[in-house]
Amino acid sequence: MKRTLADISIDLNRQSGQENLPPLIFITDQSAQPLPEQVIEKLPAGSLVILRDYNLKNRYELAVALRYICNHKKIIFSVAADLEIALAVQADGIHLPEYRATEAKIIRQNYPDYFISVSCHSEKSVSKLPENIIDAVLLGPVFPTESHPETFNDPALTIGINHFSEICKRSQKAIYALGGVNENTAEQLDGSGAAGIAAIRGF
């Protein structure tokens, strides 16, 4: 029987020895997943939901609604790049884009229990992250992805499974595969050292 994304992510998480961290991360995107609550309802407990949707007019209201659902499902809830909203809805953490990764240190000092994740797009950016500050690194795109259509025509614009695996093995940080990850491509991550999977459309 074909394994689900949740099945694969749990196996990867176990292999990496990062079982204290969420194996599966869902990133919201209204254009790709207009009904995020339906995706969240199917996630296993212990997963992580990151509210992205930066330009959504009712972003705060959506944060309130998703926080409620995640709390009920025992799912970690995080807000991307907006500490004010994260605090207002009592989120479990915050997600930072690569260019704001330096903010992680002060956030950790002020909110020591927060789950802090950061997006990265290269091994160099991963290596620059401060030690013992970041809980999860979302590294991508590993595979061609609709979020960046140009990756389908130029594989050099993706990290690729081999390089992704090398980065995981050289880093002490918990790294999640992001970009073009679905039930088919995720099978290639077996043995890569990934702490889990992050996806938008993959669900």
C-alpha atoms as a PDB file:
ATOM      1  CA  MET A   1       0.000   0.000   0.000  1.00  0.00           C
ATOM      2  CA  LYS A   2       1.279   3.477  -0.885  1.00  0.00           C
ATOM      3  CA  ARG A   3       2.611   5.426   2.083  1.00  0.00           C
ATOM      4  CA  THR A   4       1.139   8.803   2.923  1.00  0.00           C
ATOM      5  CA  LEU A   5       3.195  11.935   3.464  1.00  0.00           C
ATOM      6  CA  ALA A   6       2.572  11.526   7.195  1.00  0.00           C
ATOM      7  CA  ASP A   7       3.876   7.939   7.133  1.00  0.00           C
ATOM      8  CA  ILE A   8       7.040   8.960   5.311  1.00  0.00           C
ATOM      9  CA  SER A   9       7.666  11.975   7.531  1.00  0.00           C
ATOM     10  CA  ILE A  10       7.321   9.915  10.704  1.00  0.00           C
ATOM     11  CA  ASP A  11       9.857   7.396   9.379  1.00  0.00           C
ATOM     12  CA  LEU A  12      12.292  10.185   8.446  1.00  0.00           C
ATOM     13  CA  ASN A  13      11.859  11.764  11.856  1.00  0.00           C
ATOM     14  CA  ARG A  14      12.614   8.472  13.573  1.00  0.00           C
ATOM     15  CA  GLN A  15      15.661   7.845  11.382  1.00  0.00           C
ATOM     16  CA  SER A  16      17.063  11.291  12.188  1.00  0.00           C
ATOM     17  CA  GLY A  17      16.716  10.805  15.938  1.00  0.00           C
ATOM     18  CA  GLN A  18      14.724  14.042  16.149  1.00  0.00           C
ATOM     19  CA  GLU A  19      11.582  12.457  17.548  1.00  0.00           C
ATOM     20  CA  ASN A  20      11.128  15.343  19.965  1.00  0.00           C
ATOM     21  CA  LEU A  21      10.359  17.553  16.944  1.00  0.00           C
ATOM     22  CA  PRO A  22       7.308  17.593  14.648  1.00  0.00           C
ATOM     23  CA  PRO A  23       7.804  15.191  11.723  1.00  0.00           C
ATOM     24  CA  LEU A  24       5.392  16.987   9.414  1.00  0.00           C
ATOM     25  CA  ILE A  25       4.948  20.699   8.666  1.00  0.00           C
ATOM     26  CA  PHE A  26       2.034  22.223   6.761  1.00  0.00           C
ATOM     27  CA  ILE A  27       2.547  25.759   5.436  1.00  0.00           C
ATOM     28  CA  THR A  28      -0.651  27.603   4.596  1.00  0.00           C
ATOM     29  CA  ASP A  29      -1.150  29.252   1.224  1.00  0.00           C
ATOM     30  CA  GLN A  30      -4.641  30.395   0.248  1.00  0.00           C
ATOM     31  CA  SER A  31      -3.909  30.223  -3.484  1.00  0.00           C
ATOM     32  CA  ALA A  32      -2.716  26.617  -3.274  1.00  0.00           C
ATOM     33  CA  GLN A  33      -4.772  25.360  -0.315  1.00  0.00           C
ATOM     34  CA  PRO A  34      -7.846  27.620   0.077  1.00  0.00           C
ATOM     35  CA  LEU A  35      -9.250  25.434   2.866  1.00  0.00           C
ATOM     36  CA  PRO A  36      -6.334  24.935   5.271  1.00  0.00           C
ATOM     37  CA  GLU A  37      -8.628  23.606   7.987  1.00  0.00           C
ATOM     38  CA  GLN A  38      -9.326  20.536   5.852  1.00  0.00           C
ATOM     39  CA  VAL A  39      -5.598  19.810   5.600  1.00  0.00           C
ATOM     40  CA  ILE A  40      -5.093  20.358   9.325  1.00  0.00           C
ATOM     41  CA  GLU A  41      -7.925  17.971  10.209  1.00  0.00           C
ATOM     42  CA  LYS A  42      -5.938  15.167   8.541  1.00  0.00           C
ATOM     43  CA  LEU A  43      -2.590  15.929  10.162  1.00  0.00           C
ATOM     44  CA  PRO A  44      -1.365  13.641  12.929  1.00  0.00           C
ATOM     45  CA  ALA A  45      -0.979  15.067  16.425  1.00  0.00           C
ATOM     46  CA  GLY A  46       2.442  16.590  16.954  1.00  0.00           C
ATOM     47  CA  SER A  47       2.611  18.116  13.473  1.00  0.00           C
ATOM     48  CA  LEU A  48       3.380  21.802  12.932  1.00  0.00           C
ATOM     49  CA  VAL A  49       1.241  24.342  11.055  1.00  0.00           C
ATOM     50  CA  ILE A  50       2.830  27.573   9.862  1.00  0.00           C
ATOM     51  CA  LEU A  51       0.456  30.381   8.934  1.00  0.00           C
ATOM     52  CA  ARG A  52       2.082  32.027   5.946  1.00  0.00           C
ATOM     53  CA  ASP A  53      -0.422  33.955   3.729  1.00  0.00           C
ATOM     54  CA  TYR A  54       1.477  37.190   4.308  1.00  0.00           C
ATOM     55  CA  ASN A  55      -0.847  39.467   2.324  1.00  0.00           C
ATOM     56  CA  LEU A  56      -4.176  38.104   3.519  1.00  0.00           C
ATOM     57  CA  LYS A  57      -6.480  40.913   4.695  1.00  0.00           C
ATOM     58  CA  ASN A  58      -8.054  38.765   7.394  1.00  0.00           C
ATOM     59  CA  ARG A  59      -4.762  37.176   8.462  1.00  0.00           C
ATOM     60  CA  TYR A  60      -5.381  37.775  12.150  1.00  0.00           C
ATOM     61  CA  GLU A  61      -8.860  36.197  11.994  1.00  0.00           C
ATOM     62  CA  LEU A  62      -7.448  33.197  10.146  1.00  0.00           C
ATOM     63  CA  ALA A  63      -4.730  32.908  12.784  1.00  0.00           C
ATOM     64  CA  VAL A  64      -7.369  32.820  15.534  1.00  0.00           C
ATOM     65  CA  ALA A  65      -9.346  30.113  13.737  1.00  0.00           C
ATOM     66  CA  LEU A  66      -6.353  27.916  12.899  1.00  0.00           C
ATOM     67  CA  ARG A  67      -4.906  28.313  16.383  1.00  0.00           C
ATOM     68  CA  TYR A  68      -8.159  26.981  17.800  1.00  0.00           C
ATOM     69  CA  ILE A  69      -8.188  23.970  15.454  1.00  0.00           C
ATOM     70  CA  CYS A  70      -4.527  23.183  16.107  1.00  0.00           C
ATOM     71  CA  ASN A  71      -4.998  23.398  19.845  1.00  0.00           C
ATOM     72  CA  HIS A  72      -7.886  20.943  19.632  1.00  0.00           C
ATOM     73  CA  LYS A  73      -5.821  18.566  17.466  1.00  0.00           C
ATOM     74  CA  LYS A  74      -2.663  18.860  19.614  1.00  0.00           C
ATOM     75  CA  ILE A  75      -0.803  20.392  16.678  1.00  0.00           C
ATOM     76  CA  ILE A  76       1.888  23.044  17.078  1.00  0.00           C
ATOM     77  CA  PHE A  77       0.828  26.392  15.612  1.00  0.00           C
ATOM     78  CA  SER A  78       3.256  29.005  14.363  1.00  0.00           C
ATOM     79  CA  VAL A  79       2.913  32.356  12.590  1.00  0.00           C
ATOM     80  CA  ALA A  80       5.303  33.398   9.843  1.00  0.00           C
ATOM     81  CA  ALA A  81       7.147  36.700  10.221  1.00  0.00           C
ATOM     82  CA  ASP A  82       4.667  38.454  12.534  1.00  0.00           C
ATOM     83  CA  LEU A  83       5.487  38.296  16.226  1.00  0.00           C
ATOM     84  CA  GLU A  84       2.593  40.604  17.071  1.00  0.00           C
ATOM     85  CA  ILE A  85      -0.005  38.208  15.659  1.00  0.00           C
ATOM     86  CA  ALA A  86       1.821  35.210  17.125  1.00  0.00           C
ATOM     87  CA  LEU A  87       1.624  36.704  20.599  1.00  0.00           C
ATOM     88  CA  ALA A  88      -1.952  37.908  20.158  1.00  0.00           C
ATOM     89  CA  VAL A  89      -3.273  34.432  19.299  1.00  0.00           C
ATOM     90  CA  GLN A  90      -0.948  32.681  21.780  1.00  0.00           C
ATOM     91  CA  ALA A  91       0.827  30.774  19.029  1.00  0.00           C
ATOM     92  CA  ASP A  92       3.437  28.173  19.928  1.00  0.00           C
ATOM     93  CA  GLY A  93       6.118  29.792  17.824  1.00  0.00           C
ATOM     94  CA  ILE A  94       7.226  31.891  14.905  1.00  0.00           C
ATOM     95  CA  HIS A  95       8.651  31.146  11.468  1.00  0.00           C
ATOM     96  CA  LEU A  96      11.231  33.487   9.959  1.00  0.00           C
ATOM     97  CA  PRO A  97      12.178  33.906   6.306  1.00  0.00           C
ATOM     98  CA  GLU A  98      15.883  33.604   5.576  1.00  0.00           C
ATOM     99  CA  TYR A  99      16.513  37.360   5.437  1.00  0.00           C
ATOM    100  CA  ARG A 100      15.130  37.753   8.979  1.00  0.00           C
ATOM    101  CA  ALA A 101      16.963  34.817  10.561  1.00  0.00           C
ATOM    102  CA  THR A 102      19.083  37.127  12.716  1.00  0.00           C
ATOM    103  CA  GLU A 103      15.945  38.032  14.693  1.00  0.00           C
ATOM    104  CA  ALA A 104      15.832  34.513  16.128  1.00  0.00           C
ATOM    105  CA  LYS A 105      18.326  35.290  18.888  1.00  0.00           C
ATOM    106  CA  ILE A 106      16.329  38.109  20.483  1.00  0.00           C
ATOM    107  CA  ILE A 107      13.066  36.175  20.062  1.00  0.00           C
ATOM    108  CA  ARG A 108      14.620  33.216  21.880  1.00  0.00           C
ATOM    109  CA  GLN A 109      15.791  35.491  24.687  1.00  0.00           C
ATOM    110  CA  ASN A 110      12.349  37.031  25.131  1.00  0.00           C
ATOM    111  CA  TYR A 111      10.285  33.897  24.487  1.00  0.00           C
ATOM    112  CA  PRO A 112      12.446  30.909  25.490  1.00  0.00           C
ATOM    113  CA  ASP A 113       9.653  28.372  24.991  1.00  0.00           C
ATOM    114  CA  TYR A 114       8.804  29.444  21.444  1.00  0.00           C
ATOM    115  CA  PHE A 115       9.242  27.003  18.567  1.00  0.00           C
ATOM    116  CA  ILE A 116      11.418  28.934  16.109  1.00  0.00           C
ATOM    117  CA  SER A 117      11.797  27.816  12.505  1.00  0.00           C
ATOM    118  CA  VAL A 118      13.669  29.462   9.648  1.00  0.00           C
ATOM    119  CA  SER A 119      13.597  29.039   5.877  1.00  0.00           C
ATOM    120  CA  CYS A 120      16.918  28.568   4.078  1.00  0.00           C
ATOM    121  CA  HIS A 121      17.830  28.104   0.440  1.00  0.00           C
ATOM    122  CA  SER A 122      21.467  27.030   0.564  1.00  0.00           C
ATOM    123  CA  GLU A 123      24.042  25.279   2.718  1.00  0.00           C
ATOM    124  CA  LYS A 124      25.725  28.638   3.316  1.00  0.00           C
ATOM    125  CA  SER A 125      22.583  30.125   4.820  1.00  0.00           C
ATOM    126  CA  VAL A 126      22.116  27.053   7.042  1.00  0.00           C
ATOM    127  CA  SER A 127      25.683  27.336   8.315  1.00  0.00           C
ATOM    128  CA  LYS A 128      25.139  30.991   9.276  1.00  0.00           C
ATOM    129  CA  LEU A 129      22.267  30.193  11.632  1.00  0.00           C
ATOM    130  CA  PRO A 130      23.136  30.588  15.318  1.00  0.00           C
ATOM    131  CA  GLU A 131      23.682  27.399  17.263  1.00  0.00           C
ATOM    132  CA  ASN A 132      21.118  26.261  19.860  1.00  0.00           C
ATOM    133  CA  ILE A 133      18.625  28.952  18.818  1.00  0.00           C
ATOM    134  CA  ILE A 134      16.715  27.493  15.865  1.00  0.00           C
ATOM    135  CA  ASP A 135      14.424  24.496  16.381  1.00  0.00           C
ATOM    136  CA  ALA A 136      13.848  23.710  12.705  1.00  0.00           C
ATOM    137  CA  VAL A 137      15.338  24.681   9.354  1.00  0.00           C
ATOM    138  CA  LEU A 138      13.107  24.431   6.283  1.00  0.00           C
ATOM    139  CA  LEU A 139      15.519  23.924   3.392  1.00  0.00           C
ATOM    140  CA  GLY A 140      14.427  24.134  -0.212  1.00  0.00           C
ATOM    141  CA  PRO A 141      13.468  23.833  -2.883  1.00  0.00           C
ATOM    142  CA  VAL A 142      14.667  20.238  -2.844  1.00  0.00           C
ATOM    143  CA  PHE A 143      12.565  19.274  -5.881  1.00  0.00           C
ATOM    144  CA  PRO A 144      10.955  21.296  -8.696  1.00  0.00           C
ATOM    145  CA  THR A 145       7.940  23.097  -7.270  1.00  0.00           C
ATOM    146  CA  GLU A 146       4.929  25.014  -8.494  1.00  0.00           C
ATOM    147  CA  SER A 147       5.810  27.783  -6.047  1.00  0.00           C
ATOM    148  CA  HIS A 148       8.819  28.411  -8.307  1.00  0.00           C
ATOM    149  CA  PRO A 149       7.778  27.243 -11.814  1.00  0.00           C
ATOM    150  CA  GLU A 150      11.227  28.023 -13.215  1.00  0.00           C
ATOM    151  CA  THR A 151      12.608  25.028 -11.296  1.00  0.00           C
ATOM    152  CA  PHE A 152      10.875  22.647 -13.708  1.00  0.00           C
ATOM    153  CA  ASN A 153      12.957  23.991 -16.600  1.00  0.00           C
ATOM    154  CA  ASP A 154      16.224  24.391 -14.742  1.00  0.00           C
ATOM    155  CA  PRO A 155      17.109  21.658 -12.205  1.00  0.00           C
ATOM    156  CA  ALA A 156      20.105  23.748 -11.111  1.00  0.00           C
ATOM    157  CA  LEU A 157      17.625  26.008  -9.319  1.00  0.00           C
ATOM    158  CA  THR A 158      16.774  23.191  -6.911  1.00  0.00           C
ATOM    159  CA  ILE A 159      18.972  21.803  -4.156  1.00  0.00           C
ATOM    160  CA  GLY A 160      18.450  18.225  -5.308  1.00  0.00           C
ATOM    161  CA  ILE A 161      18.230  15.139  -3.143  1.00  0.00           C
ATOM    162  CA  ASN A 162      21.966  14.373  -3.121  1.00  0.00           C
ATOM    163  CA  HIS A 163      23.062  17.827  -2.014  1.00  0.00           C
ATOM    164  CA  PHE A 164      20.181  18.018   0.452  1.00  0.00           C
ATOM    165  CA  SER A 165      21.348  14.773   2.062  1.00  0.00           C
ATOM    166  CA  GLU A 166      24.927  16.069   2.266  1.00  0.00           C
ATOM    167  CA  ILE A 167      23.759  19.237   3.998  1.00  0.00           C
ATOM    168  CA  CYS A 168      21.720  17.244   6.518  1.00  0.00           C
ATOM    169  CA  LYS A 169      24.655  15.028   7.340  1.00  0.00           C
ATOM    170  CA  ARG A 170      27.086  17.922   7.730  1.00  0.00           C
ATOM    171  CA  SER A 171      24.790  19.987   9.938  1.00  0.00           C
ATOM    172  CA  GLN A 172      23.813  19.508  13.568  1.00  0.00           C
ATOM    173  CA  LYS A 173      20.537  21.358  12.959  1.00  0.00           C
ATOM    174  CA  ALA A 174      17.145  19.736  12.361  1.00  0.00           C
ATOM    175  CA  ILE A 175      16.543  20.168   8.634  1.00  0.00           C
ATOM    176  CA  TYR A 176      13.207  19.671   6.882  1.00  0.00           C
ATOM    177  CA  ALA A 177      12.794  19.066   3.160  1.00  0.00           C
ATOM    178  CA  LEU A 178      10.754  21.800   1.490  1.00  0.00           C
ATOM    179  CA  GLY A 179       9.755  22.359  -2.118  1.00  0.00           C
ATOM    180  CA  GLY A 180       8.042  19.895  -4.419  1.00  0.00           C
ATOM    181  CA  VAL A 181       7.634  17.339  -1.644  1.00  0.00           C
ATOM    182  CA  ASN A 182       4.674  15.000  -2.136  1.00  0.00           C
ATOM    183  CA  GLU A 183       3.885  11.309  -1.633  1.00  0.00           C
ATOM    184  CA  ASN A 184       5.980  10.404  -4.692  1.00  0.00           C
ATOM    185  CA  THR A 185       9.062  12.598  -4.289  1.00  0.00           C
ATOM    186  CA  ALA A 186       9.179  12.151  -0.504  1.00  0.00           C
ATOM    187  CA  GLU A 187      10.196   8.508  -0.917  1.00  0.00           C
ATOM    188  CA  GLN A 188      13.553   9.763  -2.258  1.00  0.00           C
ATOM    189  CA  LEU A 189      14.273  11.349   1.123  1.00  0.00           C
ATOM    190  CA  ASP A 190      14.697   7.976   2.821  1.00  0.00           C
ATOM    191  CA  GLY A 191      18.078   7.920   4.553  1.00  0.00           C
ATOM    192  CA  SER A 192      18.730  11.586   3.796  1.00  0.00           C
ATOM    193  CA  GLY A 193      18.973  12.648   7.424  1.00  0.00           C
ATOM    194  CA  ALA A 194      15.946  14.955   7.132  1.00  0.00           C
ATOM    195  CA  ALA A 195      14.152  15.594  10.410  1.00  0.00           C
ATOM    196  CA  GLY A 196      10.888  15.598   8.481  1.00  0.00           C
ATOM    197  CA  ILE A 197       8.906  17.138   5.662  1.00  0.00           C
ATOM    198  CA  ALA A 198       7.449  20.597   5.048  1.00  0.00           C
ATOM    199  CA  ALA A 199       4.894  21.150   2.311  1.00  0.00           C
ATOM    200  CA  ILE A 200       2.102  23.285   0.939  1.00  0.00           C
ATOM    201  CA  ARG A 201       0.611  21.447  -2.026  1.00  0.00           C
ATOM    202  CA  GLY A 202       1.971  18.040  -1.048  1.00  0.00           C
ATOM    203  CA  PHE A 203      -1.098  17.329   1.048  1.00  0.00           C
END
